[in-house]
Amino acid sequence: MTAGCWFDADRLVLATGTEEWDEEERAALPPGHLGVWSVSGARWLHRSRVAAAEPGVLLLPRGDQVVSLVGHPRLLDTATGRIPAEWPEAGVPAKGTCLALITMP
């Protein structure tokens, strides 16, 4: 997974970038997709290909949509993966990942 955020106490939004993952993760949420997971239902409510944009490493919830911050802010519809709005004039610094594996000695 590349990014994620909580909509509420039950729904989690997850996004994948273009990198390849193992088969189990790929089957759950393929590269370049946005998904809404119900914790109580233990199932995907939505899984959609993100239209023409990498979801980035930071998602901010906005109703049933998320704002993706990569390159410039984009509003993503979590049910369809469409981009209903974007703001290319508002640049966002690049960040490679939101998680890092650190080996402790």
PDB file of N, CA and C in Angstrom:
ATOM      1  N   MET A   1       0.846  -1.176   0.000  1.00  0.00           N
ATOM      2  CA  MET A   1       0.000   0.000   0.000  1.00  0.00           C
ATOM      3  C   MET A   1       0.892   1.240   0.000  1.00  0.00           C
ATOM      4  N   THR A   2       0.427   2.249  -0.681  1.00  0.00           N
ATOM      5  CA  THR A   2       1.187   3.488  -0.775  1.00  0.00           C
ATOM      6  C   THR A   2       0.704   4.520   0.222  1.00  0.00           C
ATOM      7  N   ALA A   3      -0.629   4.585   0.418  1.00  0.00           N
ATOM      8  CA  ALA A   3      -1.200   5.596   1.304  1.00  0.00           C
ATOM      9  C   ALA A   3      -2.498   5.083   1.885  1.00  0.00           C
ATOM     10  N   GLY A   4      -2.936   5.746   2.954  1.00  0.00           N
ATOM     11  CA  GLY A   4      -4.206   5.388   3.558  1.00  0.00           C
ATOM     12  C   GLY A   4      -4.663   6.444   4.533  1.00  0.00           C
ATOM     13  N   CYS A   5      -5.957   6.450   4.809  1.00  0.00           N
ATOM     14  CA  CYS A   5      -6.518   7.323   5.835  1.00  0.00           C
ATOM     15  C   CYS A   5      -7.865   6.746   6.258  1.00  0.00           C
ATOM     16  N   TRP A   6      -8.335   7.169   7.395  1.00  0.00           N
ATOM     17  CA  TRP A   6      -9.633   6.742   7.912  1.00  0.00           C
ATOM     18  C   TRP A   6     -10.696   7.744   7.495  1.00  0.00           C
ATOM     19  N   PHE A   7     -11.856   7.247   6.997  1.00  0.00           N
ATOM     20  CA  PHE A   7     -13.029   8.093   6.777  1.00  0.00           C
ATOM     21  C   PHE A   7     -13.765   8.291   8.094  1.00  0.00           C
ATOM     22  N   ASP A   8     -13.909   7.190   8.813  1.00  0.00           N
ATOM     23  CA  ASP A   8     -14.617   7.190  10.087  1.00  0.00           C
ATOM     24  C   ASP A   8     -14.133   5.966  10.878  1.00  0.00           C
ATOM     25  N   ALA A   9     -14.844   5.598  11.936  1.00  0.00           N
ATOM     26  CA  ALA A   9     -14.406   4.491  12.789  1.00  0.00           C
ATOM     27  C   ALA A   9     -14.454   3.137  12.096  1.00  0.00           C
ATOM     28  N   ASP A  10     -15.145   3.035  10.959  1.00  0.00           N
ATOM     29  CA  ASP A  10     -15.282   1.751  10.274  1.00  0.00           C
ATOM     30  C   ASP A  10     -14.598   1.700   8.907  1.00  0.00           C
ATOM     31  N   ARG A  11     -14.544   2.802   8.182  1.00  0.00           N
ATOM     32  CA  ARG A  11     -14.059   2.784   6.805  1.00  0.00           C
ATOM     33  C   ARG A  11     -12.639   3.326   6.679  1.00  0.00           C
ATOM     34  N   LEU A  12     -11.824   2.533   6.020  1.00  0.00           N
ATOM     35  CA  LEU A  12     -10.420   2.856   5.783  1.00  0.00           C
ATOM     36  C   LEU A  12     -10.208   2.979   4.278  1.00  0.00           C
ATOM     37  N   VAL A  13      -9.580   4.063   3.842  1.00  0.00           N
ATOM     38  CA  VAL A  13      -9.255   4.244   2.428  1.00  0.00           C
ATOM     39  C   VAL A  13      -7.796   3.863   2.232  1.00  0.00           C
ATOM     40  N   LEU A  14      -7.525   3.017   1.247  1.00  0.00           N
ATOM     41  CA  LEU A  14      -6.161   2.599   0.944  1.00  0.00           C
ATOM     42  C   LEU A  14      -5.882   2.851  -0.534  1.00  0.00           C
ATOM     43  N   ALA A  15      -4.652   3.192  -0.846  1.00  0.00           N
ATOM     44  CA  ALA A  15      -4.258   3.448  -2.231  1.00  0.00           C
ATOM     45  C   ALA A  15      -2.968   2.713  -2.530  1.00  0.00           C
ATOM     46  N   THR A  16      -2.846   2.276  -3.769  1.00  0.00           N
ATOM     47  CA  THR A  16      -1.619   1.638  -4.223  1.00  0.00           C
ATOM     48  C   THR A  16      -1.025   2.467  -5.348  1.00  0.00           C
ATOM     49  N   GLY A  17       0.296   2.491  -5.406  1.00  0.00           N
ATOM     50  CA  GLY A  17       0.988   3.171  -6.484  1.00  0.00           C
ATOM     51  C   GLY A  17       1.203   2.222  -7.645  1.00  0.00           C
ATOM     52  N   THR A  18       2.175   2.529  -8.448  1.00  0.00           N
ATOM     53  CA  THR A  18       2.432   1.702  -9.625  1.00  0.00           C
ATOM     54  C   THR A  18       3.416   0.567  -9.340  1.00  0.00           C
ATOM     55  N   GLU A  19       3.989   0.530  -8.141  1.00  0.00           N
ATOM     56  CA  GLU A  19       4.933  -0.529  -7.800  1.00  0.00           C
ATOM     57  C   GLU A  19       4.214  -1.876  -7.706  1.00  0.00           C
ATOM     58  N   GLU A  20       4.966  -2.925  -7.935  1.00  0.00           N
ATOM     59  CA  GLU A  20       4.409  -4.286  -7.867  1.00  0.00           C
ATOM     60  C   GLU A  20       4.533  -4.830  -6.447  1.00  0.00           C
ATOM     61  N   TRP A  21       3.521  -5.550  -6.005  1.00  0.00           N
ATOM     62  CA  TRP A  21       3.505  -6.181  -4.698  1.00  0.00           C
ATOM     63  C   TRP A  21       3.404  -7.682  -4.894  1.00  0.00           C
ATOM     64  N   ASP A  22       3.328  -8.425  -3.821  1.00  0.00           N
ATOM     65  CA  ASP A  22       3.171  -9.871  -3.957  1.00  0.00           C
ATOM     66  C   ASP A  22       1.748 -10.186  -4.441  1.00  0.00           C
ATOM     67  N   GLU A  23       1.516 -11.428  -4.842  1.00  0.00           N
ATOM     68  CA  GLU A  23       0.237 -11.821  -5.454  1.00  0.00           C
ATOM     69  C   GLU A  23      -0.967 -11.600  -4.532  1.00  0.00           C
ATOM     70  N   GLU A  24      -0.797 -11.850  -3.238  1.00  0.00           N
ATOM     71  CA  GLU A  24      -1.913 -11.678  -2.299  1.00  0.00           C
ATOM     72  C   GLU A  24      -2.337 -10.212  -2.231  1.00  0.00           C
ATOM     73  N   GLU A  25      -1.364  -9.300  -2.101  1.00  0.00           N
ATOM     74  CA  GLU A  25      -1.689  -7.883  -2.053  1.00  0.00           C
ATOM     75  C   GLU A  25      -2.236  -7.403  -3.386  1.00  0.00           C
ATOM     76  N   ARG A  26      -1.663  -7.894  -4.484  1.00  0.00           N
ATOM     77  CA  ARG A  26      -2.120  -7.514  -5.823  1.00  0.00           C
ATOM     78  C   ARG A  26      -3.577  -7.937  -6.037  1.00  0.00           C
ATOM     79  N   ALA A  27      -3.954  -9.102  -5.546  1.00  0.00           N
ATOM     80  CA  ALA A  27      -5.329  -9.573  -5.683  1.00  0.00           C
ATOM     81  C   ALA A  27      -6.290  -8.730  -4.844  1.00  0.00           C
ATOM     82  N   ALA A  28      -5.837  -8.267  -3.686  1.00  0.00           N
ATOM     83  CA  ALA A  28      -6.688  -7.461  -2.813  1.00  0.00           C
ATOM     84  C   ALA A  28      -6.902  -6.061  -3.382  1.00  0.00           C
ATOM     85  N   LEU A  29      -5.833  -5.400  -3.775  1.00  0.00           N
ATOM     86  CA  LEU A  29      -5.908  -4.041  -4.315  1.00  0.00           C
ATOM     87  C   LEU A  29      -4.745  -3.864  -5.288  1.00  0.00           C
ATOM     88  N   PRO A  30      -4.999  -4.028  -6.591  1.00  0.00           N
ATOM     89  CA  PRO A  30      -3.935  -3.973  -7.593  1.00  0.00           C
ATOM     90  C   PRO A  30      -3.232  -2.616  -7.643  1.00  0.00           C
ATOM     91  N   PRO A  31      -2.065  -2.547  -8.263  1.00  0.00           N
ATOM     92  CA  PRO A  31      -1.359  -1.273  -8.407  1.00  0.00           C
ATOM     93  C   PRO A  31      -2.228  -0.226  -9.113  1.00  0.00           C
ATOM     94  N   GLY A  32      -2.109   1.032  -8.652  1.00  0.00           N
ATOM     95  CA  GLY A  32      -2.848   2.136  -9.255  1.00  0.00           C
ATOM     96  C   GLY A  32      -4.324   2.172  -8.893  1.00  0.00           C
ATOM     97  N   HIS A  33      -4.685   1.593  -7.746  1.00  0.00           N
ATOM     98  CA  HIS A  33      -6.083   1.539  -7.331  1.00  0.00           C
ATOM     99  C   HIS A  33      -6.314   2.244  -5.999  1.00  0.00           C
ATOM    100  N   LEU A  34      -7.561   2.606  -5.789  1.00  0.00           N
ATOM    101  CA  LEU A  34      -8.027   3.214  -4.557  1.00  0.00           C
ATOM    102  C   LEU A  34      -9.143   2.320  -4.037  1.00  0.00           C
ATOM    103  N   GLY A  35      -9.106   1.975  -2.761  1.00  0.00           N
ATOM    104  CA  GLY A  35     -10.125   1.097  -2.203  1.00  0.00           C
ATOM    105  C   GLY A  35     -10.633   1.594  -0.865  1.00  0.00           C
ATOM    106  N   VAL A  36     -11.896   1.303  -0.586  1.00  0.00           N
ATOM    107  CA  VAL A  36     -12.496   1.630   0.709  1.00  0.00           C
ATOM    108  C   VAL A  36     -12.824   0.300   1.387  1.00  0.00           C
ATOM    109  N   TRP A  37     -12.205   0.069   2.537  1.00  0.00           N
ATOM    110  CA  TRP A  37     -12.354  -1.179   3.289  1.00  0.00           C
ATOM    111  C   TRP A  37     -13.252  -0.948   4.495  1.00  0.00           C
ATOM    112  N   SER A  38     -14.251  -1.825   4.680  1.00  0.00           N
ATOM    113  CA  SER A  38     -15.089  -1.793   5.868  1.00  0.00           C
ATOM    114  C   SER A  38     -14.477  -2.738   6.892  1.00  0.00           C
ATOM    115  N   VAL A  39     -14.076  -2.207   8.036  1.00  0.00           N
ATOM    116  CA  VAL A  39     -13.477  -3.035   9.079  1.00  0.00           C
ATOM    117  C   VAL A  39     -14.528  -3.974   9.659  1.00  0.00           C
ATOM    118  N   SER A  40     -15.720  -3.449   9.984  1.00  0.00           N
ATOM    119  CA  SER A  40     -16.762  -4.294  10.590  1.00  0.00           C
ATOM    120  C   SER A  40     -17.273  -5.351   9.613  1.00  0.00           C
ATOM    121  N   GLY A  41     -17.343  -5.031   8.331  1.00  0.00           N
ATOM    122  CA  GLY A  41     -17.819  -5.972   7.337  1.00  0.00           C
ATOM    123  C   GLY A  41     -16.731  -6.863   6.776  1.00  0.00           C
ATOM    124  N   ALA A  42     -15.473  -6.533   7.076  1.00  0.00           N
ATOM    125  CA  ALA A  42     -14.310  -7.272   6.572  1.00  0.00           C
ATOM    126  C   ALA A  42     -14.410  -7.480   5.055  1.00  0.00           C
ATOM    127  N   ARG A  43     -14.717  -6.379   4.341  1.00  0.00           N
ATOM    128  CA  ARG A  43     -14.838  -6.469   2.885  1.00  0.00           C
ATOM    129  C   ARG A  43     -14.577  -5.111   2.241  1.00  0.00           C
ATOM    130  N   TRP A  44     -14.297  -5.150   0.955  1.00  0.00           N
ATOM    131  CA  TRP A  44     -14.115  -3.934   0.178  1.00  0.00           C
ATOM    132  C   TRP A  44     -15.483  -3.349  -0.170  1.00  0.00           C
ATOM    133  N   LEU A  45     -15.680  -2.070   0.113  1.00  0.00           N
ATOM    134  CA  LEU A  45     -16.897  -1.380  -0.299  1.00  0.00           C
ATOM    135  C   LEU A  45     -16.731  -0.851  -1.725  1.00  0.00           C
ATOM    136  N   HIS A  46     -15.523  -0.414  -2.036  1.00  0.00           N
ATOM    137  CA  HIS A  46     -15.189   0.084  -3.373  1.00  0.00           C
ATOM    138  C   HIS A  46     -13.745  -0.270  -3.681  1.00  0.00           C
ATOM    139  N   ARG A  47     -13.460  -0.583  -4.930  1.00  0.00           N
ATOM    140  CA  ARG A  47     -12.096  -0.726  -5.450  1.00  0.00           C
ATOM    141  C   ARG A  47     -12.119  -0.196  -6.869  1.00  0.00           C
ATOM    142  N   SER A  48     -11.372   0.866  -7.107  1.00  0.00           N
ATOM    143  CA  SER A  48     -11.395   1.508  -8.418  1.00  0.00           C
ATOM    144  C   SER A  48      -9.993   1.886  -8.854  1.00  0.00           C
ATOM    145  N   ARG A  49      -9.785   1.815 -10.152  1.00  0.00           N
ATOM    146  CA  ARG A  49      -8.529   2.296 -10.727  1.00  0.00           C
ATOM    147  C   ARG A  49      -8.510   3.813 -10.596  1.00  0.00           C
ATOM    148  N   VAL A  50      -7.378   4.375 -10.176  1.00  0.00           N
ATOM    149  CA  VAL A  50      -7.246   5.827 -10.066  1.00  0.00           C
ATOM    150  C   VAL A  50      -6.978   6.371 -11.461  1.00  0.00           C
ATOM    151  N   ALA A  51      -7.835   7.255 -11.903  1.00  0.00           N
ATOM    152  CA  ALA A  51      -7.753   7.805 -13.256  1.00  0.00           C
ATOM    153  C   ALA A  51      -6.554   8.734 -13.421  1.00  0.00           C
ATOM    154  N   ALA A  52      -5.590   8.308 -14.216  1.00  0.00           N
ATOM    155  CA  ALA A  52      -4.483   9.153 -14.663  1.00  0.00           C
ATOM    156  C   ALA A  52      -3.698   9.869 -13.575  1.00  0.00           C
ATOM    157  N   ALA A  53      -3.570   9.266 -12.404  1.00  0.00           N
ATOM    158  CA  ALA A  53      -2.781   9.912 -11.349  1.00  0.00           C
ATOM    159  C   ALA A  53      -2.301   8.886 -10.342  1.00  0.00           C
ATOM    160  N   GLU A  54      -1.078   9.041  -9.907  1.00  0.00           N
ATOM    161  CA  GLU A  54      -0.545   8.254  -8.793  1.00  0.00           C
ATOM    162  C   GLU A  54      -1.231   8.758  -7.529  1.00  0.00           C
ATOM    163  N   PRO A  55      -1.743   7.888  -6.662  1.00  0.00           N
ATOM    164  CA  PRO A  55      -2.449   8.367  -5.476  1.00  0.00           C
ATOM    165  C   PRO A  55      -1.579   9.097  -4.465  1.00  0.00           C
ATOM    166  N   GLY A  56      -0.268   8.953  -4.568  1.00  0.00           N
ATOM    167  CA  GLY A  56       0.590   9.676  -3.637  1.00  0.00           C
ATOM    168  C   GLY A  56       0.778   8.945  -2.333  1.00  0.00           C
ATOM    169  N   VAL A  57       1.372   9.612  -1.367  1.00  0.00           N
ATOM    170  CA  VAL A  57       1.669   8.992  -0.081  1.00  0.00           C
ATOM    171  C   VAL A  57       0.859   9.603   1.061  1.00  0.00           C
ATOM    172  N   LEU A  58       0.067  10.622   0.753  1.00  0.00           N
ATOM    173  CA  LEU A  58      -0.735  11.257   1.790  1.00  0.00           C
ATOM    174  C   LEU A  58      -2.140  11.478   1.261  1.00  0.00           C
ATOM    175  N   LEU A  59      -3.118  10.917   1.959  1.00  0.00           N
ATOM    176  CA  LEU A  59      -4.522  11.111   1.620  1.00  0.00           C
ATOM    177  C   LEU A  59      -5.204  11.806   2.783  1.00  0.00           C
ATOM    178  N   LEU A  60      -6.024  12.803   2.466  1.00  0.00           N
ATOM    179  CA  LEU A  60      -6.791  13.515   3.476  1.00  0.00           C
ATOM    180  C   LEU A  60      -8.270  13.303   3.191  1.00  0.00           C
ATOM    181  N   PRO A  61      -9.047  12.831   4.187  1.00  0.00           N
ATOM    182  CA  PRO A  61     -10.471  12.582   3.942  1.00  0.00           C
ATOM    183  C   PRO A  61     -11.246  13.880   3.760  1.00  0.00           C
ATOM    184  N   ARG A  62     -12.244  13.828   2.873  1.00  0.00           N
ATOM    185  CA  ARG A  62     -13.156  14.952   2.629  1.00  0.00           C
ATOM    186  C   ARG A  62     -14.506  14.351   2.253  1.00  0.00           C
ATOM    187  N   GLY A  63     -15.376  14.158   3.233  1.00  0.00           N
ATOM    188  CA  GLY A  63     -16.645  13.483   2.966  1.00  0.00           C
ATOM    189  C   GLY A  63     -16.373  12.063   2.515  1.00  0.00           C
ATOM    190  N   ASP A  64     -16.913  11.678   1.359  1.00  0.00           N
ATOM    191  CA  ASP A  64     -16.640  10.365   0.793  1.00  0.00           C
ATOM    192  C   ASP A  64     -15.598  10.439  -0.313  1.00  0.00           C
ATOM    193  N   GLN A  65     -14.795  11.483  -0.277  1.00  0.00           N
ATOM    194  CA  GLN A  65     -13.700  11.662  -1.219  1.00  0.00           C
ATOM    195  C   GLN A  65     -12.418  11.839  -0.421  1.00  0.00           C
ATOM    196  N   VAL A  66     -11.285  11.784  -1.120  1.00  0.00           N
ATOM    197  CA  VAL A  66     -10.006  12.072  -0.478  1.00  0.00           C
ATOM    198  C   VAL A  66      -9.235  13.064  -1.334  1.00  0.00           C
ATOM    199  N   VAL A  67      -8.388  13.833  -0.674  1.00  0.00           N
ATOM    200  CA  VAL A  67      -7.464  14.714  -1.369  1.00  0.00           C
ATOM    201  C   VAL A  67      -6.124  14.002  -1.382  1.00  0.00           C
ATOM    202  N   SER A  68      -5.584  13.822  -2.566  1.00  0.00           N
ATOM    203  CA  SER A  68      -4.276  13.199  -2.752  1.00  0.00           C
ATOM    204  C   SER A  68      -3.251  14.312  -2.933  1.00  0.00           C
ATOM    205  N   LEU A  69      -2.127  14.177  -2.253  1.00  0.00           N
ATOM    206  CA  LEU A  69      -1.086  15.196  -2.341  1.00  0.00           C
ATOM    207  C   LEU A  69       0.168  14.594  -2.960  1.00  0.00           C
ATOM    208  N   VAL A  70       0.224  14.609  -4.280  1.00  0.00           N
ATOM    209  CA  VAL A  70       1.420  14.200  -5.003  1.00  0.00           C
ATOM    210  C   VAL A  70       1.509  15.080  -6.243  1.00  0.00           C
ATOM    211  N   GLY A  71       2.613  15.814  -6.373  1.00  0.00           N
ATOM    212  CA  GLY A  71       2.763  16.741  -7.490  1.00  0.00           C
ATOM    213  C   GLY A  71       1.949  18.001  -7.277  1.00  0.00           C
ATOM    214  N   HIS A  72       0.645  17.836  -7.157  1.00  0.00           N
ATOM    215  CA  HIS A  72      -0.287  18.902  -6.792  1.00  0.00           C
ATOM    216  C   HIS A  72      -1.551  18.240  -6.224  1.00  0.00           C
ATOM    217  N   PRO A  73      -2.344  18.975  -5.454  1.00  0.00           N
ATOM    218  CA  PRO A  73      -3.532  18.375  -4.844  1.00  0.00           C
ATOM    219  C   PRO A  73      -4.556  17.942  -5.896  1.00  0.00           C
ATOM    220  N   ARG A  74      -5.128  16.766  -5.658  1.00  0.00           N
ATOM    221  CA  ARG A  74      -6.195  16.226  -6.507  1.00  0.00           C
ATOM    222  C   ARG A  74      -7.289  15.682  -5.597  1.00  0.00           C
ATOM    223  N   LEU A  75      -8.525  15.934  -5.958  1.00  0.00           N
ATOM    224  CA  LEU A  75      -9.661  15.370  -5.249  1.00  0.00           C
ATOM    225  C   LEU A  75     -10.026  14.067  -5.937  1.00  0.00           C
ATOM    226  N   LEU A  76     -10.021  12.961  -5.201  1.00  0.00           N
ATOM    227  CA  LEU A  76     -10.314  11.650  -5.766  1.00  0.00           C
ATOM    228  C   LEU A  76     -11.659  11.150  -5.260  1.00  0.00           C
ATOM    229  N   ASP A  77     -12.494  10.682  -6.170  1.00  0.00           N
ATOM    230  CA  ASP A  77     -13.746  10.049  -5.808  1.00  0.00           C
ATOM    231  C   ASP A  77     -13.435   8.593  -5.466  1.00  0.00           C
ATOM    232  N   THR A  78     -13.704   8.187  -4.233  1.00  0.00           N
ATOM    233  CA  THR A  78     -13.302   6.846  -3.789  1.00  0.00           C
ATOM    234  C   THR A  78     -14.156   5.736  -4.389  1.00  0.00           C
ATOM    235  N   ALA A  79     -15.359   6.045  -4.864  1.00  0.00           N
ATOM    236  CA  ALA A  79     -16.210   5.017  -5.465  1.00  0.00           C
ATOM    237  C   ALA A  79     -15.837   4.739  -6.913  1.00  0.00           C
ATOM    238  N   THR A  80     -15.322   5.757  -7.622  1.00  0.00           N
ATOM    239  CA  THR A  80     -15.063   5.603  -9.056  1.00  0.00           C
ATOM    240  C   THR A  80     -13.600   5.741  -9.449  1.00  0.00           C
ATOM    241  N   GLY A  81     -12.787   6.374  -8.591  1.00  0.00           N
ATOM    242  CA  GLY A  81     -11.394   6.650  -8.935  1.00  0.00           C
ATOM    243  C   GLY A  81     -11.225   7.899  -9.796  1.00  0.00           C
ATOM    244  N   ARG A  82     -12.343   8.547 -10.154  1.00  0.00           N
ATOM    245  CA  ARG A  82     -12.271   9.771 -10.956  1.00  0.00           C
ATOM    246  C   ARG A  82     -11.644  10.927 -10.170  1.00  0.00           C
ATOM    247  N   ILE A  83     -11.194  11.919 -10.905  1.00  0.00           N
ATOM    248  CA  ILE A  83     -10.637  13.136 -10.318  1.00  0.00           C
ATOM    249  C   ILE A  83     -11.611  14.277 -10.616  1.00  0.00           C
ATOM    250  N   PRO A  84     -12.524  14.608  -9.683  1.00  0.00           N
ATOM    251  CA  PRO A  84     -13.487  15.671  -9.947  1.00  0.00           C
ATOM    252  C   PRO A  84     -12.882  17.076  -9.902  1.00  0.00           C
ATOM    253  N   ALA A  85     -11.739  17.231  -9.234  1.00  0.00           N
ATOM    254  CA  ALA A  85     -11.092  18.545  -9.163  1.00  0.00           C
ATOM    255  C   ALA A  85      -9.605  18.352  -8.893  1.00  0.00           C
ATOM    256  N   GLU A  86      -8.825  19.301  -9.389  1.00  0.00           N
ATOM    257  CA  GLU A  86      -7.386  19.318  -9.078  1.00  0.00           C
ATOM    258  C   GLU A  86      -6.882  20.742  -9.143  1.00  0.00           C
ATOM    259  N   TRP A  87      -5.763  20.978  -8.486  1.00  0.00           N
ATOM    260  CA  TRP A  87      -5.202  22.306  -8.367  1.00  0.00           C
ATOM    261  C   TRP A  87      -3.720  22.283  -8.751  1.00  0.00           C
ATOM    262  N   PRO A  88      -3.416  22.258 -10.063  1.00  0.00           N
ATOM    263  CA  PRO A  88      -2.024  22.151 -10.517  1.00  0.00           C
ATOM    264  C   PRO A  88      -1.157  23.349 -10.140  1.00  0.00           C
ATOM    265  N   GLU A  89      -1.776  24.484  -9.863  1.00  0.00           N
ATOM    266  CA  GLU A  89      -0.999  25.674  -9.477  1.00  0.00           C
ATOM    267  C   GLU A  89      -0.461  25.588  -8.048  1.00  0.00           C
ATOM    268  N   ALA A  90      -0.950  24.635  -7.261  1.00  0.00           N
ATOM    269  CA  ALA A  90      -0.515  24.460  -5.874  1.00  0.00           C
ATOM    270  C   ALA A  90       0.431  23.262  -5.806  1.00  0.00           C
ATOM    271  N   GLY A  91       1.701  23.496  -6.036  1.00  0.00           N
ATOM    272  CA  GLY A  91       2.680  22.412  -6.027  1.00  0.00           C
ATOM    273  C   GLY A  91       2.853  21.788  -4.658  1.00  0.00           C
ATOM    274  N   VAL A  92       3.132  20.500  -4.664  1.00  0.00           N
ATOM    275  CA  VAL A  92       3.377  19.738  -3.432  1.00  0.00           C
ATOM    276  C   VAL A  92       4.742  19.073  -3.578  1.00  0.00           C
ATOM    277  N   PRO A  93       5.653  19.257  -2.617  1.00  0.00           N
ATOM    278  CA  PRO A  93       6.969  18.616  -2.714  1.00  0.00           C
ATOM    279  C   PRO A  93       6.855  17.100  -2.796  1.00  0.00           C
ATOM    280  N   ALA A  94       7.738  16.498  -3.557  1.00  0.00           N
ATOM    281  CA  ALA A  94       7.753  15.045  -3.723  1.00  0.00           C
ATOM    282  C   ALA A  94       8.244  14.362  -2.460  1.00  0.00           C
ATOM    283  N   LYS A  95       7.615  13.243  -2.136  1.00  0.00           N
ATOM    284  CA  LYS A  95       8.033  12.403  -1.017  1.00  0.00           C
ATOM    285  C   LYS A  95       7.882  10.964  -1.490  1.00  0.00           C
ATOM    286  N   GLY A  96       8.904  10.179  -1.323  1.00  0.00           N
ATOM    287  CA  GLY A  96       8.914   8.833  -1.875  1.00  0.00           C
ATOM    288  C   GLY A  96       7.998   7.839  -1.212  1.00  0.00           C
ATOM    289  N   THR A  97       7.808   7.942   0.085  1.00  0.00           N
ATOM    290  CA  THR A  97       7.003   6.950   0.787  1.00  0.00           C
ATOM    291  C   THR A  97       6.511   7.520   2.104  1.00  0.00           C
ATOM    292  N   CYS A  98       5.431   6.951   2.614  1.00  0.00           N
ATOM    293  CA  CYS A  98       4.930   7.390   3.921  1.00  0.00           C
ATOM    294  C   CYS A  98       5.381   6.441   5.019  1.00  0.00           C
ATOM    295  N   LEU A  99       5.890   5.277   4.638  1.00  0.00           N
ATOM    296  CA  LEU A  99       6.363   4.284   5.605  1.00  0.00           C
ATOM    297  C   LEU A  99       7.791   3.902   5.249  1.00  0.00           C
ATOM    298  N   ALA A 100       8.548   3.550   6.234  1.00  0.00           N
ATOM    299  CA  ALA A 100       9.914   3.117   5.973  1.00  0.00           C
ATOM    300  C   ALA A 100      10.262   1.952   6.895  1.00  0.00           C
ATOM    301  N   LEU A 101      11.014   1.028   6.350  1.00  0.00           N
ATOM    302  CA  LEU A 101      11.500  -0.082   7.148  1.00  0.00           C
ATOM    303  C   LEU A 101      12.870   0.299   7.678  1.00  0.00           C
ATOM    304  N   ILE A 102      12.990   0.336   8.962  1.00  0.00           N
ATOM    305  CA  ILE A 102      14.266   0.697   9.587  1.00  0.00           C
ATOM    306  C   ILE A 102      14.759  -0.495  10.385  1.00  0.00           C
ATOM    307  N   THR A 103      15.956  -0.920  10.087  1.00  0.00           N
ATOM    308  CA  THR A 103      16.556  -2.030  10.816  1.00  0.00           C
ATOM    309  C   THR A 103      17.315  -1.468  12.004  1.00  0.00           C
ATOM    310  N   MET A 104      16.948  -1.918  13.183  1.00  0.00           N
ATOM    311  CA  MET A 104      17.622  -1.465  14.394  1.00  0.00           C
ATOM    312  C   MET A 104      18.757  -2.435  14.735  1.00  0.00           C
ATOM    313  N   PRO A 105      19.910  -1.916  15.132  1.00  0.00           N
ATOM    314  CA  PRO A 105      21.022  -2.800  15.480  1.00  0.00           C
ATOM    315  C   PRO A 105      20.764  -3.581  16.757  1.00  0.00           C
TER     316      PRO A 105
END
